[in-house]
């Protein structure tokens, strides 16, 4: 397979490795970019995070909670420049739409939100009016609604970093409504949201980690170990123990409840939940969390097509 400049550039963006090393990796992996990422990681030339999640557009990420803290909505709306993102009209637009989505359970996607009616007008028309006022294209990024199930207890809290570049929602599950409503529990949820913003967890706990991700990580770790000359003569059972130890480190780095608390490195997030639950006479667990970075999208999500604001724009 021919290795072109675009493929090399994509791999460099994902890993931060040099151009020649990226080309070498792609040649070795016959053009498979993901395999090339692992190849570079095994060589110690790329990190697990890489740079593939860097934000590529402007706008705001806006988390919003219901009054009873049992429902959370995360909404992202994009524009062309941070100048418009800081505009009060834009801020008001996303805040109103987040509340509208919160009040309308049947809305579960940005497409449904855009097609819905708010204050007597289609959201799409309101958005186009804002495009005309700001002179910039404004697109609907993504939307998610999370709710504590009926008959269960818990609470949400949020954190927004900077001017809306990162938005976090954390759900805590509790053994009673009394515990869920306790101000200390709400404070704990906020502290965990701060933790998620700073420490970039990928999963809530170990049960969320797909088996395929662990297998891939084991293969990368084993490759790293075998590329280290000091491990050349170690038997397989010792290498296996080293791999298991590093997998445990992987969990502690990327599972929120296993992470060391940034404000007290003697405790994990799970420890904080256990301690407060015991103090209040019940249990507290992290149900789930979302950490959205402005402009990030899952790999399968396409960037919204730019919309002409008037006939002369095409």
C-alpha atoms as a PDB file:
ATOM      1  CA  UNK A   1       0.000   0.000   0.000  1.00  0.00           C
ATOM      2  CA  UNK A   2       1.287   3.451  -0.888  1.00  0.00           C
ATOM      3  CA  UNK A   3       1.970   5.641   2.151  1.00  0.00           C
ATOM      4  CA  UNK A   4       0.998   9.237   1.378  1.00  0.00           C
ATOM      5  CA  UNK A   5       1.649  12.517   3.189  1.00  0.00           C
ATOM      6  CA  UNK A   6      -1.917  12.709   4.502  1.00  0.00           C
ATOM      7  CA  UNK A   7      -1.563   9.361   6.287  1.00  0.00           C
ATOM      8  CA  UNK A   8       1.770  10.397   7.794  1.00  0.00           C
ATOM      9  CA  UNK A   9       0.277  13.700   8.939  1.00  0.00           C
ATOM     10  CA  UNK A  10      -2.715  11.944  10.522  1.00  0.00           C
ATOM     11  CA  UNK A  11      -0.450   9.555  12.436  1.00  0.00           C
ATOM     12  CA  UNK A  12       1.755  12.417  13.584  1.00  0.00           C
ATOM     13  CA  UNK A  13      -1.327  14.272  14.818  1.00  0.00           C
ATOM     14  CA  UNK A  14      -2.409  11.192  16.787  1.00  0.00           C
ATOM     15  CA  UNK A  15       0.965  10.429  18.337  1.00  0.00           C
ATOM     16  CA  UNK A  16       3.234  13.455  18.233  1.00  0.00           C
ATOM     17  CA  UNK A  17       6.011  11.263  16.801  1.00  0.00           C
ATOM     18  CA  UNK A  18       8.393  12.549  14.116  1.00  0.00           C
ATOM     19  CA  UNK A  19       7.491  12.415  10.439  1.00  0.00           C
ATOM     20  CA  UNK A  20      10.098   9.783   9.516  1.00  0.00           C
ATOM     21  CA  UNK A  21       9.121   7.552  12.440  1.00  0.00           C
ATOM     22  CA  UNK A  22       5.467   7.875  11.448  1.00  0.00           C
ATOM     23  CA  UNK A  23       6.255   6.901   7.882  1.00  0.00           C
ATOM     24  CA  UNK A  24       8.313   3.936   9.097  1.00  0.00           C
ATOM     25  CA  UNK A  25       5.436   2.805  11.332  1.00  0.00           C
ATOM     26  CA  UNK A  26       2.925   3.037   8.490  1.00  0.00           C
ATOM     27  CA  UNK A  27       5.199   1.053   6.183  1.00  0.00           C
ATOM     28  CA  UNK A  28       5.640  -1.651   8.830  1.00  0.00           C
ATOM     29  CA  UNK A  29       1.864  -1.764   9.472  1.00  0.00           C
ATOM     30  CA  UNK A  30       0.883  -1.652   5.777  1.00  0.00           C
ATOM     31  CA  UNK A  31      -0.976   1.635   6.114  1.00  0.00           C
ATOM     32  CA  UNK A  32      -3.098   0.687   9.150  1.00  0.00           C
ATOM     33  CA  UNK A  33      -3.056   3.903  11.220  1.00  0.00           C
ATOM     34  CA  UNK A  34      -4.299   2.361  14.489  1.00  0.00           C
ATOM     35  CA  UNK A  35      -1.773  -0.469  14.222  1.00  0.00           C
ATOM     36  CA  UNK A  36       0.890   2.152  13.549  1.00  0.00           C
ATOM     37  CA  UNK A  37      -0.113   4.000  16.735  1.00  0.00           C
ATOM     38  CA  UNK A  38       0.500   0.806  18.730  1.00  0.00           C
ATOM     39  CA  UNK A  39       3.771   0.206  16.851  1.00  0.00           C
ATOM     40  CA  UNK A  40       5.042   3.632  17.903  1.00  0.00           C
ATOM     41  CA  UNK A  41       3.841   3.144  21.476  1.00  0.00           C
ATOM     42  CA  UNK A  42       5.726  -0.133  21.703  1.00  0.00           C
ATOM     43  CA  UNK A  43       8.834   1.748  20.600  1.00  0.00           C
ATOM     44  CA  UNK A  44       8.204   4.354  23.302  1.00  0.00           C
ATOM     45  CA  UNK A  45       7.594   7.055  20.693  1.00  0.00           C
ATOM     46  CA  UNK A  46       3.944   7.819  21.437  1.00  0.00           C
ATOM     47  CA  UNK A  47       1.688   8.117  24.469  1.00  0.00           C
ATOM     48  CA  UNK A  48      -1.692   6.478  25.055  1.00  0.00           C
ATOM     49  CA  UNK A  49      -3.452   9.809  24.674  1.00  0.00           C
ATOM     50  CA  UNK A  50      -1.652  11.235  21.669  1.00  0.00           C
ATOM     51  CA  UNK A  51      -3.147  14.379  20.188  1.00  0.00           C
ATOM     52  CA  UNK A  52      -6.140  12.994  18.321  1.00  0.00           C
ATOM     53  CA  UNK A  53      -8.651  14.656  20.635  1.00  0.00           C
ATOM     54  CA  UNK A  54      -7.488  18.244  20.192  1.00  0.00           C
ATOM     55  CA  UNK A  55     -10.304  20.715  19.714  1.00  0.00           C
ATOM     56  CA  UNK A  56     -10.704  21.859  16.110  1.00  0.00           C
ATOM     57  CA  UNK A  57     -13.588  24.363  16.366  1.00  0.00           C
ATOM     58  CA  UNK A  58     -14.844  27.174  18.550  1.00  0.00           C
ATOM     59  CA  UNK A  59     -18.029  27.442  20.574  1.00  0.00           C
ATOM     60  CA  UNK A  60     -19.157  26.354  24.032  1.00  0.00           C
ATOM     61  CA  UNK A  61     -19.783  23.187  26.009  1.00  0.00           C
ATOM     62  CA  UNK A  62     -22.692  23.816  28.377  1.00  0.00           C
ATOM     63  CA  UNK A  63     -23.757  21.378  31.138  1.00  0.00           C
ATOM     64  CA  UNK A  64     -27.171  22.066  32.687  1.00  0.00           C
ATOM     65  CA  UNK A  65     -29.063  20.484  35.595  1.00  0.00           C
ATOM     66  CA  UNK A  66     -32.710  20.210  36.568  1.00  0.00           C
ATOM     67  CA  UNK A  67     -33.772  21.923  39.806  1.00  0.00           C
ATOM     68  CA  UNK A  68     -33.945  18.578  41.627  1.00  0.00           C
ATOM     69  CA  UNK A  69     -30.521  17.524  40.286  1.00  0.00           C
ATOM     70  CA  UNK A  70     -31.926  14.252  38.934  1.00  0.00           C
ATOM     71  CA  UNK A  71     -31.433  15.105  35.259  1.00  0.00           C
ATOM     72  CA  UNK A  72     -28.435  16.527  33.435  1.00  0.00           C
ATOM     73  CA  UNK A  73     -28.029  17.793  29.894  1.00  0.00           C
ATOM     74  CA  UNK A  74     -24.753  18.411  28.088  1.00  0.00           C
ATOM     75  CA  UNK A  75     -24.937  20.589  24.983  1.00  0.00           C
ATOM     76  CA  UNK A  76     -22.235  21.781  22.607  1.00  0.00           C
ATOM     77  CA  UNK A  77     -22.825  24.429  19.971  1.00  0.00           C
ATOM     78  CA  UNK A  78     -20.058  25.496  17.610  1.00  0.00           C
ATOM     79  CA  UNK A  79     -19.117  28.718  15.861  1.00  0.00           C
ATOM     80  CA  UNK A  80     -16.138  29.946  13.874  1.00  0.00           C
ATOM     81  CA  UNK A  81     -14.258  32.137  16.367  1.00  0.00           C
ATOM     82  CA  UNK A  82     -13.885  32.454  20.110  1.00  0.00           C
ATOM     83  CA  UNK A  83     -14.921  36.099  19.709  1.00  0.00           C
ATOM     84  CA  UNK A  84     -18.459  34.959  18.894  1.00  0.00           C
ATOM     85  CA  UNK A  85     -18.335  32.193  21.513  1.00  0.00           C
ATOM     86  CA  UNK A  86     -17.805  34.877  24.167  1.00  0.00           C
ATOM     87  CA  UNK A  87     -20.640  37.006  22.791  1.00  0.00           C
ATOM     88  CA  UNK A  88     -23.578  37.316  25.214  1.00  0.00           C
ATOM     89  CA  UNK A  89     -26.046  36.506  22.411  1.00  0.00           C
ATOM     90  CA  UNK A  90     -24.277  33.198  21.783  1.00  0.00           C
ATOM     91  CA  UNK A  91     -24.046  32.390  25.501  1.00  0.00           C
ATOM     92  CA  UNK A  92     -27.731  33.140  25.979  1.00  0.00           C
ATOM     93  CA  UNK A  93     -28.622  31.014  22.941  1.00  0.00           C
ATOM     94  CA  UNK A  94     -26.882  27.884  24.266  1.00  0.00           C
ATOM     95  CA  UNK A  95     -28.174  28.411  27.810  1.00  0.00           C
ATOM     96  CA  UNK A  96     -31.772  28.693  26.588  1.00  0.00           C
ATOM     97  CA  UNK A  97     -31.434  25.632  24.369  1.00  0.00           C
ATOM     98  CA  UNK A  98     -29.941  23.565  27.205  1.00  0.00           C
ATOM     99  CA  UNK A  99     -32.922  24.474  29.400  1.00  0.00           C
ATOM    100  CA  UNK A 100     -35.306  23.721  26.521  1.00  0.00           C
ATOM    101  CA  UNK A 101     -33.700  20.297  26.020  1.00  0.00           C
ATOM    102  CA  UNK A 102     -33.906  19.673  29.756  1.00  0.00           C
ATOM    103  CA  UNK A 103     -37.621  20.530  29.761  1.00  0.00           C
ATOM    104  CA  UNK A 104     -38.355  18.340  26.715  1.00  0.00           C
ATOM    105  CA  UNK A 105     -37.485  14.677  27.417  1.00  0.00           C
ATOM    106  CA  UNK A 106     -38.317  13.560  23.874  1.00  0.00           C
ATOM    107  CA  UNK A 107     -35.398  15.616  22.540  1.00  0.00           C
ATOM    108  CA  UNK A 108     -32.326  13.375  22.557  1.00  0.00           C
ATOM    109  CA  UNK A 109     -30.212  14.649  19.632  1.00  0.00           C
ATOM    110  CA  UNK A 110     -29.078  18.017  18.315  1.00  0.00           C
ATOM    111  CA  UNK A 111     -31.040  17.330  15.129  1.00  0.00           C
ATOM    112  CA  UNK A 112     -34.223  16.970  17.165  1.00  0.00           C
ATOM    113  CA  UNK A 113     -33.325  20.065  19.151  1.00  0.00           C
ATOM    114  CA  UNK A 114     -32.731  22.097  15.987  1.00  0.00           C
ATOM    115  CA  UNK A 115     -36.086  20.975  14.549  1.00  0.00           C
ATOM    116  CA  UNK A 116     -38.015  21.677  17.758  1.00  0.00           C
ATOM    117  CA  UNK A 117     -39.990  24.793  18.621  1.00  0.00           C
ATOM    118  CA  UNK A 118     -38.871  27.116  21.412  1.00  0.00           C
ATOM    119  CA  UNK A 119     -40.608  30.368  22.357  1.00  0.00           C
ATOM    120  CA  UNK A 120     -42.911  30.039  19.358  1.00  0.00           C
ATOM    121  CA  UNK A 121     -40.142  29.638  16.782  1.00  0.00           C
ATOM    122  CA  UNK A 122     -38.190  26.762  15.301  1.00  0.00           C
ATOM    123  CA  UNK A 123     -34.769  26.559  16.904  1.00  0.00           C
ATOM    124  CA  UNK A 124     -33.304  26.302  13.413  1.00  0.00           C
ATOM    125  CA  UNK A 125     -34.788  29.700  12.530  1.00  0.00           C
ATOM    126  CA  UNK A 126     -33.494  31.240  15.750  1.00  0.00           C
ATOM    127  CA  UNK A 127     -30.069  29.833  14.968  1.00  0.00           C
ATOM    128  CA  UNK A 128     -30.128  31.250  11.449  1.00  0.00           C
ATOM    129  CA  UNK A 129     -31.088  34.626  12.889  1.00  0.00           C
ATOM    130  CA  UNK A 130     -28.053  34.442  15.165  1.00  0.00           C
ATOM    131  CA  UNK A 131     -25.887  33.551  12.154  1.00  0.00           C
ATOM    132  CA  UNK A 132     -27.108  36.743  10.467  1.00  0.00           C
ATOM    133  CA  UNK A 133     -26.397  38.837  13.580  1.00  0.00           C
ATOM    134  CA  UNK A 134     -22.914  37.487  14.244  1.00  0.00           C
ATOM    135  CA  UNK A 135     -21.788  36.993  10.664  1.00  0.00           C
ATOM    136  CA  UNK A 136     -20.505  33.523  11.490  1.00  0.00           C
ATOM    137  CA  UNK A 137     -21.761  30.044  10.811  1.00  0.00           C
ATOM    138  CA  UNK A 138     -23.238  28.428  13.931  1.00  0.00           C
ATOM    139  CA  UNK A 139     -23.770  24.664  14.029  1.00  0.00           C
ATOM    140  CA  UNK A 140     -25.362  22.239  16.452  1.00  0.00           C
ATOM    141  CA  UNK A 141     -22.560  20.133  17.888  1.00  0.00           C
ATOM    142  CA  UNK A 142     -23.866  17.383  20.176  1.00  0.00           C
ATOM    143  CA  UNK A 143     -26.356  16.743  22.952  1.00  0.00           C
ATOM    144  CA  UNK A 144     -26.715  14.151  25.683  1.00  0.00           C
ATOM    145  CA  UNK A 145     -29.299  13.708  28.426  1.00  0.00           C
ATOM    146  CA  UNK A 146     -28.556  11.642  31.564  1.00  0.00           C
ATOM    147  CA  UNK A 147     -31.186  10.852  34.169  1.00  0.00           C
ATOM    148  CA  UNK A 148     -31.331   9.044  37.476  1.00  0.00           C
ATOM    149  CA  UNK A 149     -33.914   6.240  36.985  1.00  0.00           C
ATOM    150  CA  UNK A 150     -37.248   6.359  38.791  1.00  0.00           C
ATOM    151  CA  UNK A 151     -37.056   4.653  42.164  1.00  0.00           C
ATOM    152  CA  UNK A 152     -33.305   5.279  42.451  1.00  0.00           C
ATOM    153  CA  UNK A 153     -31.505   8.001  44.395  1.00  0.00           C
ATOM    154  CA  UNK A 154     -28.663  10.258  43.482  1.00  0.00           C
ATOM    155  CA  UNK A 155     -27.523  13.697  42.405  1.00  0.00           C
ATOM    156  CA  UNK A 156     -25.589  15.461  39.645  1.00  0.00           C
ATOM    157  CA  UNK A 157     -23.113  18.272  39.658  1.00  0.00           C
ATOM    158  CA  UNK A 158     -21.158  20.023  36.935  1.00  0.00           C
ATOM    159  CA  UNK A 159     -17.961  21.886  36.239  1.00  0.00           C
ATOM    160  CA  UNK A 160     -17.077  24.160  33.332  1.00  0.00           C
ATOM    161  CA  UNK A 161     -13.417  24.898  32.688  1.00  0.00           C
ATOM    162  CA  UNK A 162     -12.298  28.188  31.200  1.00  0.00           C
ATOM    163  CA  UNK A 163     -14.791  29.826  28.883  1.00  0.00           C
ATOM    164  CA  UNK A 164     -16.601  26.589  28.132  1.00  0.00           C
ATOM    165  CA  UNK A 165     -13.761  24.616  26.544  1.00  0.00           C
ATOM    166  CA  UNK A 166     -14.373  21.673  28.872  1.00  0.00           C
ATOM    167  CA  UNK A 167     -17.686  20.687  30.422  1.00  0.00           C
ATOM    168  CA  UNK A 168     -18.076  17.904  33.002  1.00  0.00           C
ATOM    169  CA  UNK A 169     -21.129  16.214  34.489  1.00  0.00           C
ATOM    170  CA  UNK A 170     -20.805  13.760  37.395  1.00  0.00           C
ATOM    171  CA  UNK A 171     -23.586  11.509  38.681  1.00  0.00           C
ATOM    172  CA  UNK A 172     -23.436  10.121  42.208  1.00  0.00           C
ATOM    173  CA  UNK A 173     -25.754   7.280  43.211  1.00  0.00           C
ATOM    174  CA  UNK A 174     -26.846   7.127  46.844  1.00  0.00           C
ATOM    175  CA  UNK A 175     -28.696   4.690  49.076  1.00  0.00           C
ATOM    176  CA  UNK A 176     -31.374   7.256  50.039  1.00  0.00           C
ATOM    177  CA  UNK A 177     -32.875  10.550  48.948  1.00  0.00           C
ATOM    178  CA  UNK A 178     -31.800  12.121  52.226  1.00  0.00           C
ATOM    179  CA  UNK A 179     -28.169  11.386  51.383  1.00  0.00           C
ATOM    180  CA  UNK A 180     -28.632  12.554  47.789  1.00  0.00           C
ATOM    181  CA  UNK A 181     -29.903  15.939  49.028  1.00  0.00           C
ATOM    182  CA  UNK A 182     -27.132  16.434  51.569  1.00  0.00           C
ATOM    183  CA  UNK A 183     -24.978  19.495  50.723  1.00  0.00           C
ATOM    184  CA  UNK A 184     -21.814  17.495  51.428  1.00  0.00           C
ATOM    185  CA  UNK A 185     -22.775  15.018  48.708  1.00  0.00           C
ATOM    186  CA  UNK A 186     -23.342  17.812  46.212  1.00  0.00           C
ATOM    187  CA  UNK A 187     -19.956  19.257  47.157  1.00  0.00           C
ATOM    188  CA  UNK A 188     -18.373  15.834  46.658  1.00  0.00           C
ATOM    189  CA  UNK A 189     -19.961  15.552  43.192  1.00  0.00           C
ATOM    190  CA  UNK A 190     -18.460  18.933  42.316  1.00  0.00           C
ATOM    191  CA  UNK A 191     -15.021  17.908  43.575  1.00  0.00           C
ATOM    192  CA  UNK A 192     -15.178  14.774  41.447  1.00  0.00           C
ATOM    193  CA  UNK A 193     -16.182  16.884  38.439  1.00  0.00           C
ATOM    194  CA  UNK A 194     -13.072  19.011  39.023  1.00  0.00           C
ATOM    195  CA  UNK A 195     -11.052  15.789  39.211  1.00  0.00           C
ATOM    196  CA  UNK A 196     -12.461  14.545  35.898  1.00  0.00           C
ATOM    197  CA  UNK A 197     -11.687  17.850  34.185  1.00  0.00           C
ATOM    198  CA  UNK A 198      -8.084  17.823  35.389  1.00  0.00           C
ATOM    199  CA  UNK A 199      -7.176  14.133  35.209  1.00  0.00           C
ATOM    200  CA  UNK A 200      -8.918  13.049  31.986  1.00  0.00           C
ATOM    201  CA  UNK A 201     -10.357   9.670  33.031  1.00  0.00           C
ATOM    202  CA  UNK A 202     -11.744   7.514  30.215  1.00  0.00           C
ATOM    203  CA  UNK A 203     -13.947   5.198  32.276  1.00  0.00           C
ATOM    204  CA  UNK A 204     -15.985   5.399  35.472  1.00  0.00           C
ATOM    205  CA  UNK A 205     -14.609   2.120  36.878  1.00  0.00           C
ATOM    206  CA  UNK A 206     -12.887  -1.070  35.774  1.00  0.00           C
ATOM    207  CA  UNK A 207     -16.126  -2.738  34.678  1.00  0.00           C
ATOM    208  CA  UNK A 208     -16.479  -0.153  31.898  1.00  0.00           C
ATOM    209  CA  UNK A 209     -13.140  -0.959  30.271  1.00  0.00           C
ATOM    210  CA  UNK A 210     -13.762  -3.092  27.150  1.00  0.00           C
ATOM    211  CA  UNK A 211     -11.870  -6.387  27.068  1.00  0.00           C
ATOM    212  CA  UNK A 212     -10.468  -5.401  23.662  1.00  0.00           C
ATOM    213  CA  UNK A 213      -8.942  -2.238  25.168  1.00  0.00           C
ATOM    214  CA  UNK A 214      -7.227  -4.249  27.898  1.00  0.00           C
ATOM    215  CA  UNK A 215      -5.936  -6.798  25.399  1.00  0.00           C
ATOM    216  CA  UNK A 216      -4.588  -4.029  23.190  1.00  0.00           C
ATOM    217  CA  UNK A 217      -2.928  -2.368  26.194  1.00  0.00           C
ATOM    218  CA  UNK A 218      -1.344  -5.666  27.251  1.00  0.00           C
ATOM    219  CA  UNK A 219       0.119  -6.138  23.791  1.00  0.00           C
ATOM    220  CA  UNK A 220       1.550  -2.625  23.807  1.00  0.00           C
ATOM    221  CA  UNK A 221       3.025  -3.065  27.296  1.00  0.00           C
ATOM    222  CA  UNK A 222       4.551  -6.409  26.361  1.00  0.00           C
ATOM    223  CA  UNK A 223       6.068  -4.796  23.280  1.00  0.00           C
ATOM    224  CA  UNK A 224       7.546  -2.012  25.411  1.00  0.00           C
ATOM    225  CA  UNK A 225       8.998  -4.514  27.883  1.00  0.00           C
ATOM    226  CA  UNK A 226      10.576  -6.665  25.178  1.00  0.00           C
ATOM    227  CA  UNK A 227      12.115  -3.580  23.546  1.00  0.00           C
ATOM    228  CA  UNK A 228      13.942  -2.836  26.815  1.00  0.00           C
ATOM    229  CA  UNK A 229      17.313  -4.685  26.794  1.00  0.00           C
ATOM    230  CA  UNK A 230      17.299  -5.165  30.568  1.00  0.00           C
ATOM    231  CA  UNK A 231      14.299  -7.498  30.187  1.00  0.00           C
ATOM    232  CA  UNK A 232      15.919  -9.656  27.506  1.00  0.00           C
ATOM    233  CA  UNK A 233      16.575 -12.665  29.717  1.00  0.00           C
ATOM    234  CA  UNK A 234      13.531 -12.520  31.976  1.00  0.00           C
ATOM    235  CA  UNK A 235      11.208 -15.571  31.810  1.00  0.00           C
ATOM    236  CA  UNK A 236       7.665 -15.257  30.471  1.00  0.00           C
ATOM    237  CA  UNK A 237       6.040 -15.606  33.899  1.00  0.00           C
ATOM    238  CA  UNK A 238       7.999 -12.607  35.188  1.00  0.00           C
ATOM    239  CA  UNK A 239       7.087 -10.601  32.098  1.00  0.00           C
ATOM    240  CA  UNK A 240       3.442 -11.512  32.688  1.00  0.00           C
ATOM    241  CA  UNK A 241       3.644 -10.141  36.236  1.00  0.00           C
ATOM    242  CA  UNK A 242       5.159  -6.907  34.934  1.00  0.00           C
ATOM    243  CA  UNK A 243       2.302  -6.615  32.417  1.00  0.00           C
ATOM    244  CA  UNK A 244      -0.293  -7.180  35.152  1.00  0.00           C
ATOM    245  CA  UNK A 245       1.322  -4.500  37.291  1.00  0.00           C
ATOM    246  CA  UNK A 246       1.223  -1.989  34.468  1.00  0.00           C
ATOM    247  CA  UNK A 247      -2.387  -2.870  33.675  1.00  0.00           C
ATOM    248  CA  UNK A 248      -3.240  -2.067  37.295  1.00  0.00           C
ATOM    249  CA  UNK A 249      -1.460   1.259  36.797  1.00  0.00           C
ATOM    250  CA  UNK A 250      -3.549   1.760  33.634  1.00  0.00           C
ATOM    251  CA  UNK A 251      -6.739   1.300  35.654  1.00  0.00           C
ATOM    252  CA  UNK A 252      -5.531   3.764  38.288  1.00  0.00           C
ATOM    253  CA  UNK A 253      -4.767   6.324  35.615  1.00  0.00           C
ATOM    254  CA  UNK A 254      -7.877   6.043  33.474  1.00  0.00           C
ATOM    255  CA  UNK A 255     -10.710   4.807  35.760  1.00  0.00           C
ATOM    256  CA  UNK A 256     -12.192   7.748  37.664  1.00  0.00           C
ATOM    257  CA  UNK A 257     -12.930   5.908  40.921  1.00  0.00           C
ATOM    258  CA  UNK A 258      -9.402   4.452  41.004  1.00  0.00           C
ATOM    259  CA  UNK A 259      -7.658   7.755  40.430  1.00  0.00           C
ATOM    260  CA  UNK A 260      -5.727   9.420  43.230  1.00  0.00           C
ATOM    261  CA  UNK A 261      -7.583  12.495  44.450  1.00  0.00           C
ATOM    262  CA  UNK A 262      -5.747  15.575  43.146  1.00  0.00           C
ATOM    263  CA  UNK A 263      -6.147  17.431  46.459  1.00  0.00           C
ATOM    264  CA  UNK A 264      -5.036  14.546  48.704  1.00  0.00           C
ATOM    265  CA  UNK A 265      -2.801  11.878  47.206  1.00  0.00           C
ATOM    266  CA  UNK A 266      -3.413   9.557  50.146  1.00  0.00           C
ATOM    267  CA  UNK A 267      -6.965   8.903  48.926  1.00  0.00           C
ATOM    268  CA  UNK A 268      -8.694   7.723  45.782  1.00  0.00           C
ATOM    269  CA  UNK A 269     -12.045   8.969  44.502  1.00  0.00           C
ATOM    270  CA  UNK A 270     -13.560   5.703  45.731  1.00  0.00           C
ATOM    271  CA  UNK A 271     -12.146   6.435  49.193  1.00  0.00           C
ATOM    272  CA  UNK A 272     -13.880   9.826  49.234  1.00  0.00           C
ATOM    273  CA  UNK A 273     -17.218   8.208  48.364  1.00  0.00           C
ATOM    274  CA  UNK A 274     -16.782   5.472  50.963  1.00  0.00           C
ATOM    275  CA  UNK A 275     -15.840   7.905  53.726  1.00  0.00           C
ATOM    276  CA  UNK A 276     -18.736  10.280  53.147  1.00  0.00           C
ATOM    277  CA  UNK A 277     -21.195   7.406  52.711  1.00  0.00           C
ATOM    278  CA  UNK A 278     -20.110   5.939  56.053  1.00  0.00           C
ATOM    279  CA  UNK A 279     -20.369   9.351  57.730  1.00  0.00           C
ATOM    280  CA  UNK A 280     -23.945   9.821  56.451  1.00  0.00           C
ATOM    281  CA  UNK A 281     -25.029   6.270  57.255  1.00  0.00           C
ATOM    282  CA  UNK A 282     -25.400   4.904  53.741  1.00  0.00           C
ATOM    283  CA  UNK A 283     -23.570   4.384  50.464  1.00  0.00           C
ATOM    284  CA  UNK A 284     -22.344   6.711  47.734  1.00  0.00           C
ATOM    285  CA  UNK A 285     -20.974   5.546  44.389  1.00  0.00           C
ATOM    286  CA  UNK A 286     -20.001   7.253  41.153  1.00  0.00           C
ATOM    287  CA  UNK A 287     -22.753   6.300  38.713  1.00  0.00           C
ATOM    288  CA  UNK A 288     -21.252   7.842  35.586  1.00  0.00           C
ATOM    289  CA  UNK A 289     -19.566  10.961  34.272  1.00  0.00           C
ATOM    290  CA  UNK A 290     -19.105  12.859  31.036  1.00  0.00           C
ATOM    291  CA  UNK A 291     -16.099  14.973  30.139  1.00  0.00           C
ATOM    292  CA  UNK A 292     -16.575  16.892  26.918  1.00  0.00           C
ATOM    293  CA  UNK A 293     -13.817  18.915  25.304  1.00  0.00           C
ATOM    294  CA  UNK A 294     -14.835  21.568  22.795  1.00  0.00           C
ATOM    295  CA  UNK A 295     -14.541  20.235  19.246  1.00  0.00           C
ATOM    296  CA  UNK A 296     -13.946  16.594  20.168  1.00  0.00           C
ATOM    297  CA  UNK A 297     -16.088  14.007  18.468  1.00  0.00           C
ATOM    298  CA  UNK A 298     -16.208  10.195  18.537  1.00  0.00           C
ATOM    299  CA  UNK A 299     -14.357   8.764  15.553  1.00  0.00           C
ATOM    300  CA  UNK A 300     -17.579   7.858  13.744  1.00  0.00           C
ATOM    301  CA  UNK A 301     -19.078  11.349  14.076  1.00  0.00           C
ATOM    302  CA  UNK A 302     -18.673  13.617  11.111  1.00  0.00           C
ATOM    303  CA  UNK A 303     -18.118  17.346  11.446  1.00  0.00           C
ATOM    304  CA  UNK A 304     -21.410  19.139  10.706  1.00  0.00           C
ATOM    305  CA  UNK A 305     -21.562  20.539   7.225  1.00  0.00           C
ATOM    306  CA  UNK A 306     -21.211  24.318   7.089  1.00  0.00           C
ATOM    307  CA  UNK A 307     -24.495  26.030   6.456  1.00  0.00           C
ATOM    308  CA  UNK A 308     -24.851  29.045   4.234  1.00  0.00           C
ATOM    309  CA  UNK A 309     -26.246  32.000   6.176  1.00  0.00           C
ATOM    310  CA  UNK A 310     -27.786  33.586   3.076  1.00  0.00           C
ATOM    311  CA  UNK A 311     -28.293  32.969  -0.655  1.00  0.00           C
ATOM    312  CA  UNK A 312     -25.103  34.773  -1.651  1.00  0.00           C
ATOM    313  CA  UNK A 313     -23.035  32.380   0.456  1.00  0.00           C
ATOM    314  CA  UNK A 314     -24.149  29.415  -1.607  1.00  0.00           C
END
